[in-house]
Amino acid sequence: MRRHLFALLATTLCLGAAPLSPADIVAGAPAADWRTLDPANLLVMRLPAGTVIIELAPDFAPHTVANLKRLAHAHYFDGGWIVRAQDNYVVQWSQDGPKAKAEASHPGYAEFEQPRRASFRPLPDADAYARQAGFDGDFPAASGGAREWLVHCYGMVGAGRDVAPASGSGVELYAVNGQAPRHLDRNITLLGRVVSGMELLSSLPRGSGALGFYEKPAQRTRILSVALASETPHAPRLQLLRPDSASFQAYVEARRNRRDAWFARPAGHIDVCNIPLPVRTAK
């Protein structure tokens, strides 16, 4: 991996060669640096305007993800609603009526953090909310030393809860639609992230009620269906640029020190939430 990373960076030092942009690095990443996402861990949410695909994180929220898969298999969210769109914060969706009442007594989970795993890859940059931040597998994560947790970057998906920490079971979900609300880290269960279709959620009209809830039913967006990709005919096959690959490391470095002609002053620093993971349709 280091040899490939050095080769990528060396091309930017060639006489007369323009520095590689993040987009250049992604476009040139070899096939081995891409991984096809597991359809058993992808939720496909169909809205009137299009499809949102969510990658689940069973390694970080095993109980919540297992319950969410059960709900998806039972078509729990079909016919539900996007009930909240708070500006620069979150979009939230849920079910109501008999379906919601049937799940009201299901226990919730507080899967906020876990022992630090060997797969956690910290960035060298300082983080404002944790001792270290980086990636663990496909997901942005942070660590204080012995423990680690997922972080509230744009597009991350969590399980709404009540005041009691273990009151979120996955029957209400939200996606971060604005600047990363990192103060929520370790206070709510993050269970995945949107890998396709986030623009459908972030462009929704903002709710005028408290916390961005829609005040009138007509303002809500209907959810046509939510199902696992493994149970959805013709679900798109998506690939992720692996965070443990040399191409991804070069991509992060190019974003940390932007040498594009437009940039007068490279930052020399990067925040974990300013590193969107490249995703493409499988070739």
C-alpha atoms as a PDB file:
ATOM      1  CA  MET A   1       0.000   0.000   0.000  1.00  0.00           C
ATOM      2  CA  ARG A   2       2.841   2.410   0.841  1.00  0.00           C
ATOM      3  CA  ARG A   3       4.510   1.825  -2.537  1.00  0.00           C
ATOM      4  CA  HIS A   4       1.257   2.647  -4.339  1.00  0.00           C
ATOM      5  CA  LEU A   5       0.710   5.728  -2.157  1.00  0.00           C
ATOM      6  CA  PHE A   6       4.227   7.002  -2.833  1.00  0.00           C
ATOM      7  CA  ALA A   7       3.745   6.398  -6.563  1.00  0.00           C
ATOM      8  CA  LEU A   8       0.529   8.416  -6.528  1.00  0.00           C
ATOM      9  CA  LEU A   9       2.148  11.292  -4.664  1.00  0.00           C
ATOM     10  CA  ALA A  10       5.295  11.161  -6.784  1.00  0.00           C
ATOM     11  CA  THR A  11       3.296  11.871  -9.917  1.00  0.00           C
ATOM     12  CA  THR A  12       2.443  15.271  -8.450  1.00  0.00           C
ATOM     13  CA  LEU A  13       6.141  16.124  -8.235  1.00  0.00           C
ATOM     14  CA  CYS A  14       6.998  15.339 -11.839  1.00  0.00           C
ATOM     15  CA  LEU A  15       8.400  18.293 -13.781  1.00  0.00           C
ATOM     16  CA  GLY A  16       5.521  20.261 -15.236  1.00  0.00           C
ATOM     17  CA  ALA A  17       2.857  17.921 -13.830  1.00  0.00           C
ATOM     18  CA  ALA A  18      -0.208  19.466 -12.204  1.00  0.00           C
ATOM     19  CA  PRO A  19      -0.937  18.160  -8.701  1.00  0.00           C
ATOM     20  CA  LEU A  20      -3.502  15.373  -8.571  1.00  0.00           C
ATOM     21  CA  SER A  21      -6.879  16.499  -7.277  1.00  0.00           C
ATOM     22  CA  PRO A  22      -9.001  14.289  -5.007  1.00  0.00           C
ATOM     23  CA  ALA A  23     -11.221  13.551  -8.019  1.00  0.00           C
ATOM     24  CA  ASP A  24      -8.162  12.540 -10.084  1.00  0.00           C
ATOM     25  CA  ILE A  25      -7.074  10.079  -7.396  1.00  0.00           C
ATOM     26  CA  VAL A  26     -10.531   8.519  -7.121  1.00  0.00           C
ATOM     27  CA  ALA A  27     -10.818   8.219 -10.904  1.00  0.00           C
ATOM     28  CA  GLY A  28      -7.457   6.493 -11.101  1.00  0.00           C
ATOM     29  CA  ALA A  29      -7.904   4.125  -8.160  1.00  0.00           C
ATOM     30  CA  PRO A  30      -7.293   0.496  -9.201  1.00  0.00           C
ATOM     31  CA  ALA A  31     -10.058  -2.077  -8.985  1.00  0.00           C
ATOM     32  CA  ALA A  32      -8.413  -3.708  -5.959  1.00  0.00           C
ATOM     33  CA  ASP A  33      -8.943  -0.517  -3.938  1.00  0.00           C
ATOM     34  CA  TRP A  34     -12.728  -0.719  -4.362  1.00  0.00           C
ATOM     35  CA  ARG A  35     -15.016  -3.032  -2.391  1.00  0.00           C
ATOM     36  CA  THR A  36     -18.553  -4.041  -3.298  1.00  0.00           C
ATOM     37  CA  LEU A  37     -20.957  -3.270  -0.473  1.00  0.00           C
ATOM     38  CA  ASP A  38     -22.783  -6.235   1.056  1.00  0.00           C
ATOM     39  CA  PRO A  39     -26.460  -6.156  -0.035  1.00  0.00           C
ATOM     40  CA  ALA A  40     -27.387  -7.820   3.273  1.00  0.00           C
ATOM     41  CA  ASN A  41     -26.202  -4.641   5.025  1.00  0.00           C
ATOM     42  CA  LEU A  42     -27.806  -2.101   2.682  1.00  0.00           C
ATOM     43  CA  LEU A  43     -31.236  -0.551   3.227  1.00  0.00           C
ATOM     44  CA  VAL A  44     -33.074   0.656   0.143  1.00  0.00           C
ATOM     45  CA  MET A  45     -35.566   3.431   0.947  1.00  0.00           C
ATOM     46  CA  ARG A  46     -37.805   4.423  -1.942  1.00  0.00           C
ATOM     47  CA  LEU A  47     -39.286   7.921  -1.928  1.00  0.00           C
ATOM     48  CA  PRO A  48     -41.500   9.553  -4.576  1.00  0.00           C
ATOM     49  CA  ALA A  49     -38.446  11.513  -5.777  1.00  0.00           C
ATOM     50  CA  GLY A  50     -36.027   8.578  -5.913  1.00  0.00           C
ATOM     51  CA  THR A  51     -34.034   6.066  -3.886  1.00  0.00           C
ATOM     52  CA  VAL A  52     -31.899   6.473  -0.759  1.00  0.00           C
ATOM     53  CA  ILE A  53     -29.444   3.699   0.099  1.00  0.00           C
ATOM     54  CA  ILE A  54     -28.102   3.285   3.635  1.00  0.00           C
ATOM     55  CA  GLU A  55     -25.129   1.122   4.591  1.00  0.00           C
ATOM     56  CA  LEU A  56     -25.689  -0.462   8.003  1.00  0.00           C
ATOM     57  CA  ALA A  57     -23.004  -0.857  10.680  1.00  0.00           C
ATOM     58  CA  PRO A  58     -23.677  -4.146  12.510  1.00  0.00           C
ATOM     59  CA  ASP A  59     -20.173  -4.153  14.015  1.00  0.00           C
ATOM     60  CA  PHE A  60     -21.018  -0.992  15.961  1.00  0.00           C
ATOM     61  CA  ALA A  61     -24.733  -1.396  16.693  1.00  0.00           C
ATOM     62  CA  PRO A  62     -25.441  -5.129  16.425  1.00  0.00           C
ATOM     63  CA  HIS A  63     -28.734  -5.168  18.350  1.00  0.00           C
ATOM     64  CA  THR A  64     -30.183  -2.055  16.751  1.00  0.00           C
ATOM     65  CA  VAL A  65     -29.186  -3.188  13.257  1.00  0.00           C
ATOM     66  CA  ALA A  66     -30.631  -6.660  13.843  1.00  0.00           C
ATOM     67  CA  ASN A  67     -33.934  -5.126  14.900  1.00  0.00           C
ATOM     68  CA  LEU A  68     -33.882  -2.731  11.956  1.00  0.00           C
ATOM     69  CA  LYS A  69     -33.375  -5.652   9.573  1.00  0.00           C
ATOM     70  CA  ARG A  70     -36.347  -7.365  11.186  1.00  0.00           C
ATOM     71  CA  LEU A  71     -38.438  -4.248  10.687  1.00  0.00           C
ATOM     72  CA  ALA A  72     -37.353  -3.949   7.056  1.00  0.00           C
ATOM     73  CA  HIS A  73     -38.133  -7.615   6.392  1.00  0.00           C
ATOM     74  CA  ALA A  74     -41.619  -7.031   7.837  1.00  0.00           C
ATOM     75  CA  HIS A  75     -42.054  -3.866   5.659  1.00  0.00           C
ATOM     76  CA  TYR A  76     -42.489  -1.804   8.808  1.00  0.00           C
ATOM     77  CA  PHE A  77     -41.554   1.523   7.215  1.00  0.00           C
ATOM     78  CA  ASP A  78     -43.617   1.034   4.049  1.00  0.00           C
ATOM     79  CA  GLY A  79     -46.180   3.813   3.981  1.00  0.00           C
ATOM     80  CA  GLY A  80     -44.410   5.715   6.752  1.00  0.00           C
ATOM     81  CA  TRP A  81     -43.376   9.348   6.657  1.00  0.00           C
ATOM     82  CA  ILE A  82     -40.472  11.738   6.789  1.00  0.00           C
ATOM     83  CA  VAL A  83     -41.763  13.788   9.690  1.00  0.00           C
ATOM     84  CA  ARG A  84     -38.937  16.233  10.371  1.00  0.00           C
ATOM     85  CA  ALA A  85     -36.421  18.274   8.412  1.00  0.00           C
ATOM     86  CA  GLN A  86     -34.515  20.617  10.695  1.00  0.00           C
ATOM     87  CA  ASP A  87     -32.192  23.035   8.936  1.00  0.00           C
ATOM     88  CA  ASN A  88     -28.494  22.198   9.310  1.00  0.00           C
ATOM     89  CA  TYR A  89     -29.248  19.313  11.676  1.00  0.00           C
ATOM     90  CA  VAL A  90     -31.235  16.159  10.839  1.00  0.00           C
ATOM     91  CA  VAL A  91     -33.987  14.639   8.719  1.00  0.00           C
ATOM     92  CA  GLN A  92     -36.129  12.113  10.613  1.00  0.00           C
ATOM     93  CA  TRP A  93     -38.573   9.434   9.539  1.00  0.00           C
ATOM     94  CA  SER A  94     -40.916   7.064  11.340  1.00  0.00           C
ATOM     95  CA  GLN A  95     -44.161   5.126  11.189  1.00  0.00           C
ATOM     96  CA  ASP A  96     -47.503   5.851  12.847  1.00  0.00           C
ATOM     97  CA  GLY A  97     -50.823   4.121  13.426  1.00  0.00           C
ATOM     98  CA  PRO A  98     -51.127   0.379  14.165  1.00  0.00           C
ATOM     99  CA  LYS A  99     -47.581  -0.422  13.047  1.00  0.00           C
ATOM    100  CA  ALA A 100     -46.092   2.052  15.512  1.00  0.00           C
ATOM    101  CA  LYS A 101     -48.314   0.845  18.341  1.00  0.00           C
ATOM    102  CA  ALA A 102     -47.298  -2.765  17.715  1.00  0.00           C
ATOM    103  CA  GLU A 103     -43.607  -1.854  18.207  1.00  0.00           C
ATOM    104  CA  ALA A 104     -44.095   0.553  21.120  1.00  0.00           C
ATOM    105  CA  SER A 105     -43.141  -2.016  23.758  1.00  0.00           C
ATOM    106  CA  HIS A 106     -40.032  -3.306  21.965  1.00  0.00           C
ATOM    107  CA  PRO A 107     -36.907  -2.720  24.060  1.00  0.00           C
ATOM    108  CA  GLY A 108     -34.376  -0.170  22.927  1.00  0.00           C
ATOM    109  CA  TYR A 109     -30.588  -0.210  22.980  1.00  0.00           C
ATOM    110  CA  ALA A 110     -27.807   2.155  24.024  1.00  0.00           C
ATOM    111  CA  GLU A 111     -25.043   1.139  21.621  1.00  0.00           C
ATOM    112  CA  PHE A 112     -23.103   4.373  21.910  1.00  0.00           C
ATOM    113  CA  GLU A 113     -19.495   3.132  22.121  1.00  0.00           C
ATOM    114  CA  GLN A 114     -17.401  -0.018  22.390  1.00  0.00           C
ATOM    115  CA  PRO A 115     -13.848  -1.154  23.116  1.00  0.00           C
ATOM    116  CA  ARG A 116     -11.391   0.232  20.595  1.00  0.00           C
ATOM    117  CA  ARG A 117     -10.813  -2.194  17.740  1.00  0.00           C
ATOM    118  CA  ALA A 118      -7.558  -2.977  15.970  1.00  0.00           C
ATOM    119  CA  SER A 119      -9.215  -1.872  12.728  1.00  0.00           C
ATOM    120  CA  PHE A 120      -9.507   1.762  13.900  1.00  0.00           C
ATOM    121  CA  ARG A 121      -7.285   3.964  11.701  1.00  0.00           C
ATOM    122  CA  PRO A 122      -6.767   7.426  13.233  1.00  0.00           C
ATOM    123  CA  LEU A 123      -5.945  10.502  11.219  1.00  0.00           C
ATOM    124  CA  PRO A 124      -2.827  12.467  12.238  1.00  0.00           C
ATOM    125  CA  ASP A 125      -4.936  15.623  12.528  1.00  0.00           C
ATOM    126  CA  ALA A 126      -6.264  16.927  15.844  1.00  0.00           C
ATOM    127  CA  ASP A 127      -9.981  16.496  16.533  1.00  0.00           C
ATOM    128  CA  ALA A 128     -12.120  18.932  18.506  1.00  0.00           C
ATOM    129  CA  TYR A 129     -14.276  16.271  20.179  1.00  0.00           C
ATOM    130  CA  ALA A 130     -11.991  13.308  20.812  1.00  0.00           C
ATOM    131  CA  ARG A 131      -8.369  12.386  21.351  1.00  0.00           C
ATOM    132  CA  GLN A 132      -8.321  10.820  17.889  1.00  0.00           C
ATOM    133  CA  ALA A 133     -10.641  10.587  14.897  1.00  0.00           C
ATOM    134  CA  GLY A 134     -10.392   8.523  11.742  1.00  0.00           C
ATOM    135  CA  PHE A 135     -12.069   5.525  10.172  1.00  0.00           C
ATOM    136  CA  ASP A 136     -12.994   2.049  11.292  1.00  0.00           C
ATOM    137  CA  GLY A 137     -14.023  -0.037   8.325  1.00  0.00           C
ATOM    138  CA  ASP A 138     -16.364   2.089   6.199  1.00  0.00           C
ATOM    139  CA  PHE A 139     -17.343   4.528   8.915  1.00  0.00           C
ATOM    140  CA  PRO A 140     -15.981   7.715  10.498  1.00  0.00           C
ATOM    141  CA  ALA A 141     -15.082   7.018  14.112  1.00  0.00           C
ATOM    142  CA  ALA A 142     -13.356   8.569  17.108  1.00  0.00           C
ATOM    143  CA  SER A 143     -11.522   7.272  20.144  1.00  0.00           C
ATOM    144  CA  GLY A 144     -10.492   8.468  23.570  1.00  0.00           C
ATOM    145  CA  GLY A 145      -7.987   5.671  24.050  1.00  0.00           C
ATOM    146  CA  ALA A 146      -9.528   2.385  25.173  1.00  0.00           C
ATOM    147  CA  ARG A 147     -12.969   3.095  23.644  1.00  0.00           C
ATOM    148  CA  GLU A 148     -14.231   4.125  20.227  1.00  0.00           C
ATOM    149  CA  TRP A 149     -17.495   5.307  18.697  1.00  0.00           C
ATOM    150  CA  LEU A 150     -19.047   6.377  15.410  1.00  0.00           C
ATOM    151  CA  VAL A 151     -19.341  10.122  14.818  1.00  0.00           C
ATOM    152  CA  HIS A 152     -22.097  12.380  13.512  1.00  0.00           C
ATOM    153  CA  CYS A 153     -20.778  13.336  10.087  1.00  0.00           C
ATOM    154  CA  TYR A 154     -23.026  14.422   7.226  1.00  0.00           C
ATOM    155  CA  GLY A 155     -25.169  11.497   6.056  1.00  0.00           C
ATOM    156  CA  MET A 156     -24.716   9.374   9.183  1.00  0.00           C
ATOM    157  CA  VAL A 157     -27.884   7.575  10.303  1.00  0.00           C
ATOM    158  CA  GLY A 158     -28.974   7.050  13.901  1.00  0.00           C
ATOM    159  CA  ALA A 159     -31.852   5.653  15.942  1.00  0.00           C
ATOM    160  CA  GLY A 160     -34.026   8.304  17.541  1.00  0.00           C
ATOM    161  CA  ARG A 161     -34.584   7.870  21.263  1.00  0.00           C
ATOM    162  CA  ASP A 162     -36.462   9.330  24.232  1.00  0.00           C
ATOM    163  CA  VAL A 163     -34.829  10.629  27.428  1.00  0.00           C
ATOM    164  CA  ALA A 164     -33.836   7.156  28.604  1.00  0.00           C
ATOM    165  CA  PRO A 165     -30.536   6.192  26.916  1.00  0.00           C
ATOM    166  CA  ALA A 166     -31.754   2.694  25.973  1.00  0.00           C
ATOM    167  CA  SER A 167     -35.006   3.821  24.376  1.00  0.00           C
ATOM    168  CA  GLY A 168     -34.076   3.749  20.686  1.00  0.00           C
ATOM    169  CA  SER A 169     -34.873   0.496  18.888  1.00  0.00           C
ATOM    170  CA  GLY A 170     -34.715   1.671  15.270  1.00  0.00           C
ATOM    171  CA  VAL A 171     -38.420   2.448  14.803  1.00  0.00           C
ATOM    172  CA  GLU A 172     -37.471   6.106  14.317  1.00  0.00           C
ATOM    173  CA  LEU A 173     -34.419   6.980  12.253  1.00  0.00           C
ATOM    174  CA  TYR A 174     -32.634  10.183  11.327  1.00  0.00           C
ATOM    175  CA  ALA A 175     -29.880  11.263   8.961  1.00  0.00           C
ATOM    176  CA  VAL A 176     -27.527  14.203   9.548  1.00  0.00           C
ATOM    177  CA  ASN A 177     -28.275  16.811   6.878  1.00  0.00           C
ATOM    178  CA  GLY A 178     -25.950  19.660   7.859  1.00  0.00           C
ATOM    179  CA  GLN A 179     -22.776  20.589   9.677  1.00  0.00           C
ATOM    180  CA  ALA A 180     -21.675  17.671  11.822  1.00  0.00           C
ATOM    181  CA  PRO A 181     -23.500  17.802  15.219  1.00  0.00           C
ATOM    182  CA  ARG A 182     -20.645  16.082  17.030  1.00  0.00           C
ATOM    183  CA  HIS A 183     -22.082  16.962  20.436  1.00  0.00           C
ATOM    184  CA  LEU A 184     -24.473  14.050  19.818  1.00  0.00           C
ATOM    185  CA  ASP A 185     -21.597  11.534  19.704  1.00  0.00           C
ATOM    186  CA  ARG A 186     -21.918   8.826  22.393  1.00  0.00           C
ATOM    187  CA  ASN A 187     -25.420  10.064  23.245  1.00  0.00           C
ATOM    188  CA  ILE A 188     -27.349   8.185  20.592  1.00  0.00           C
ATOM    189  CA  THR A 189     -26.900   4.996  18.596  1.00  0.00           C
ATOM    190  CA  LEU A 190     -25.407   5.531  15.158  1.00  0.00           C
ATOM    191  CA  LEU A 191     -26.145   2.524  12.981  1.00  0.00           C
ATOM    192  CA  GLY A 192     -25.064   3.409   9.453  1.00  0.00           C
ATOM    193  CA  ARG A 193     -24.768   6.089   6.817  1.00  0.00           C
ATOM    194  CA  VAL A 194     -26.344   7.163   3.556  1.00  0.00           C
ATOM    195  CA  VAL A 195     -24.179   6.051   0.626  1.00  0.00           C
ATOM    196  CA  SER A 196     -26.495   7.143  -2.201  1.00  0.00           C
ATOM    197  CA  GLY A 197     -29.401   9.567  -2.505  1.00  0.00           C
ATOM    198  CA  MET A 198     -28.526  11.905   0.366  1.00  0.00           C
ATOM    199  CA  GLU A 199     -29.494  14.855  -1.839  1.00  0.00           C
ATOM    200  CA  LEU A 200     -33.109  13.624  -1.677  1.00  0.00           C
ATOM    201  CA  LEU A 201     -33.099  14.053   2.099  1.00  0.00           C
ATOM    202  CA  SER A 202     -31.013  17.211   2.404  1.00  0.00           C
ATOM    203  CA  SER A 203     -33.141  19.119  -0.133  1.00  0.00           C
ATOM    204  CA  LEU A 204     -36.488  18.505   1.599  1.00  0.00           C
ATOM    205  CA  PRO A 205     -38.444  21.602   2.675  1.00  0.00           C
ATOM    206  CA  ARG A 206     -37.635  22.507   6.269  1.00  0.00           C
ATOM    207  CA  GLY A 207     -40.317  21.908   8.849  1.00  0.00           C
ATOM    208  CA  SER A 208     -41.776  25.028  10.440  1.00  0.00           C
ATOM    209  CA  GLY A 209     -42.587  23.395  13.784  1.00  0.00           C
ATOM    210  CA  ALA A 210     -40.348  23.011  16.807  1.00  0.00           C
ATOM    211  CA  LEU A 211     -37.122  21.126  15.973  1.00  0.00           C
ATOM    212  CA  GLY A 212     -38.098  21.115  12.314  1.00  0.00           C
ATOM    213  CA  PHE A 213     -41.132  18.841  12.611  1.00  0.00           C
ATOM    214  CA  TYR A 214     -43.803  19.304   9.969  1.00  0.00           C
ATOM    215  CA  GLU A 215     -46.914  20.886  11.429  1.00  0.00           C
ATOM    216  CA  LYS A 216     -49.320  19.601   8.773  1.00  0.00           C
ATOM    217  CA  PRO A 217     -49.571  16.027   7.436  1.00  0.00           C
ATOM    218  CA  ALA A 218     -49.581  17.371   3.874  1.00  0.00           C
ATOM    219  CA  GLN A 219     -46.055  18.690   4.383  1.00  0.00           C
ATOM    220  CA  ARG A 220     -44.601  15.263   5.100  1.00  0.00           C
ATOM    221  CA  THR A 221     -42.966  13.023   2.500  1.00  0.00           C
ATOM    222  CA  ARG A 222     -44.388   9.535   2.068  1.00  0.00           C
ATOM    223  CA  ILE A 223     -42.011   6.570   2.290  1.00  0.00           C
ATOM    224  CA  LEU A 224     -42.961   4.095  -0.413  1.00  0.00           C
ATOM    225  CA  SER A 225     -40.883   1.231   0.951  1.00  0.00           C
ATOM    226  CA  VAL A 226     -37.807   0.289   2.975  1.00  0.00           C
ATOM    227  CA  ALA A 227     -36.187  -3.094   2.364  1.00  0.00           C
ATOM    228  CA  LEU A 228     -32.788  -4.739   2.435  1.00  0.00           C
ATOM    229  CA  ALA A 229     -30.972  -4.674  -0.896  1.00  0.00           C
ATOM    230  CA  SER A 230     -30.632  -8.454  -0.630  1.00  0.00           C
ATOM    231  CA  GLU A 231     -34.441  -8.645  -0.716  1.00  0.00           C
ATOM    232  CA  THR A 232     -34.927  -5.955  -3.369  1.00  0.00           C
ATOM    233  CA  PRO A 233     -35.018  -6.959  -7.046  1.00  0.00           C
ATOM    234  CA  HIS A 234     -32.674  -4.901  -9.238  1.00  0.00           C
ATOM    235  CA  ALA A 235     -31.122  -3.071  -6.275  1.00  0.00           C
ATOM    236  CA  PRO A 236     -28.016  -1.165  -7.428  1.00  0.00           C
ATOM    237  CA  ARG A 237     -24.630  -2.710  -6.687  1.00  0.00           C
ATOM    238  CA  LEU A 238     -22.394  -0.128  -5.075  1.00  0.00           C
ATOM    239  CA  GLN A 239     -18.666  -0.027  -4.468  1.00  0.00           C
ATOM    240  CA  LEU A 240     -16.731   1.928  -1.851  1.00  0.00           C
ATOM    241  CA  LEU A 241     -13.162   3.166  -2.057  1.00  0.00           C
ATOM    242  CA  ARG A 242     -11.681   1.159   0.813  1.00  0.00           C
ATOM    243  CA  PRO A 243     -10.425   3.389   3.660  1.00  0.00           C
ATOM    244  CA  ASP A 244      -7.515   0.978   4.201  1.00  0.00           C
ATOM    245  CA  SER A 245      -6.309   1.372   0.595  1.00  0.00           C
ATOM    246  CA  ALA A 246      -3.401   3.449  -0.712  1.00  0.00           C
ATOM    247  CA  SER A 247      -5.748   5.328  -3.021  1.00  0.00           C
ATOM    248  CA  PHE A 248      -7.864   6.418  -0.079  1.00  0.00           C
ATOM    249  CA  GLN A 249      -4.808   7.596   1.848  1.00  0.00           C
ATOM    250  CA  ALA A 250      -3.706   9.631  -1.163  1.00  0.00           C
ATOM    251  CA  TYR A 251      -7.244  10.986  -1.498  1.00  0.00           C
ATOM    252  CA  VAL A 252      -7.202  12.133   2.141  1.00  0.00           C
ATOM    253  CA  GLU A 253      -3.805  13.784   1.691  1.00  0.00           C
ATOM    254  CA  ALA A 254      -5.026  15.585  -1.435  1.00  0.00           C
ATOM    255  CA  ARG A 255      -8.015  16.903   0.497  1.00  0.00           C
ATOM    256  CA  ARG A 256      -5.820  17.887   3.457  1.00  0.00           C
ATOM    257  CA  ASN A 257      -3.431  19.864   1.236  1.00  0.00           C
ATOM    258  CA  ARG A 258      -5.415  21.111  -1.746  1.00  0.00           C
ATOM    259  CA  ARG A 259      -2.991  21.994  -4.548  1.00  0.00           C
ATOM    260  CA  ASP A 260      -5.700  22.709  -7.119  1.00  0.00           C
ATOM    261  CA  ALA A 261      -5.107  25.996  -8.935  1.00  0.00           C
ATOM    262  CA  TRP A 262      -8.059  27.658  -7.165  1.00  0.00           C
ATOM    263  CA  PHE A 263      -6.608  27.185  -3.654  1.00  0.00           C
ATOM    264  CA  ALA A 264      -4.385  30.060  -2.571  1.00  0.00           C
ATOM    265  CA  ARG A 265      -3.597  28.504   0.811  1.00  0.00           C
ATOM    266  CA  PRO A 266      -3.863  24.752   1.516  1.00  0.00           C
ATOM    267  CA  ALA A 267      -5.279  24.062   4.978  1.00  0.00           C
ATOM    268  CA  GLY A 268      -2.715  21.437   5.950  1.00  0.00           C
ATOM    269  CA  HIS A 269      -5.360  19.895   8.187  1.00  0.00           C
ATOM    270  CA  ILE A 270      -8.519  17.885   7.723  1.00  0.00           C
ATOM    271  CA  ASP A 271     -11.529  17.005   9.835  1.00  0.00           C
ATOM    272  CA  VAL A 272     -12.850  13.458   9.695  1.00  0.00           C
ATOM    273  CA  CYS A 273     -16.258  14.786   8.635  1.00  0.00           C
ATOM    274  CA  ASN A 274     -14.663  16.590   5.688  1.00  0.00           C
ATOM    275  CA  ILE A 275     -13.669  13.290   4.083  1.00  0.00           C
ATOM    276  CA  PRO A 276     -16.653  11.941   2.131  1.00  0.00           C
ATOM    277  CA  LEU A 277     -16.132   8.308   1.224  1.00  0.00           C
ATOM    278  CA  PRO A 278     -16.176   7.831  -2.553  1.00  0.00           C
ATOM    279  CA  VAL A 279     -18.950   5.471  -3.683  1.00  0.00           C
ATOM    280  CA  ARG A 280     -19.681   4.329  -7.236  1.00  0.00           C
ATOM    281  CA  THR A 281     -21.941   1.910  -9.062  1.00  0.00           C
ATOM    282  CA  ALA A 282     -20.178  -1.435  -9.458  1.00  0.00           C
ATOM    283  CA  LYS A 283     -18.597  -1.930 -12.872  1.00  0.00           C
END
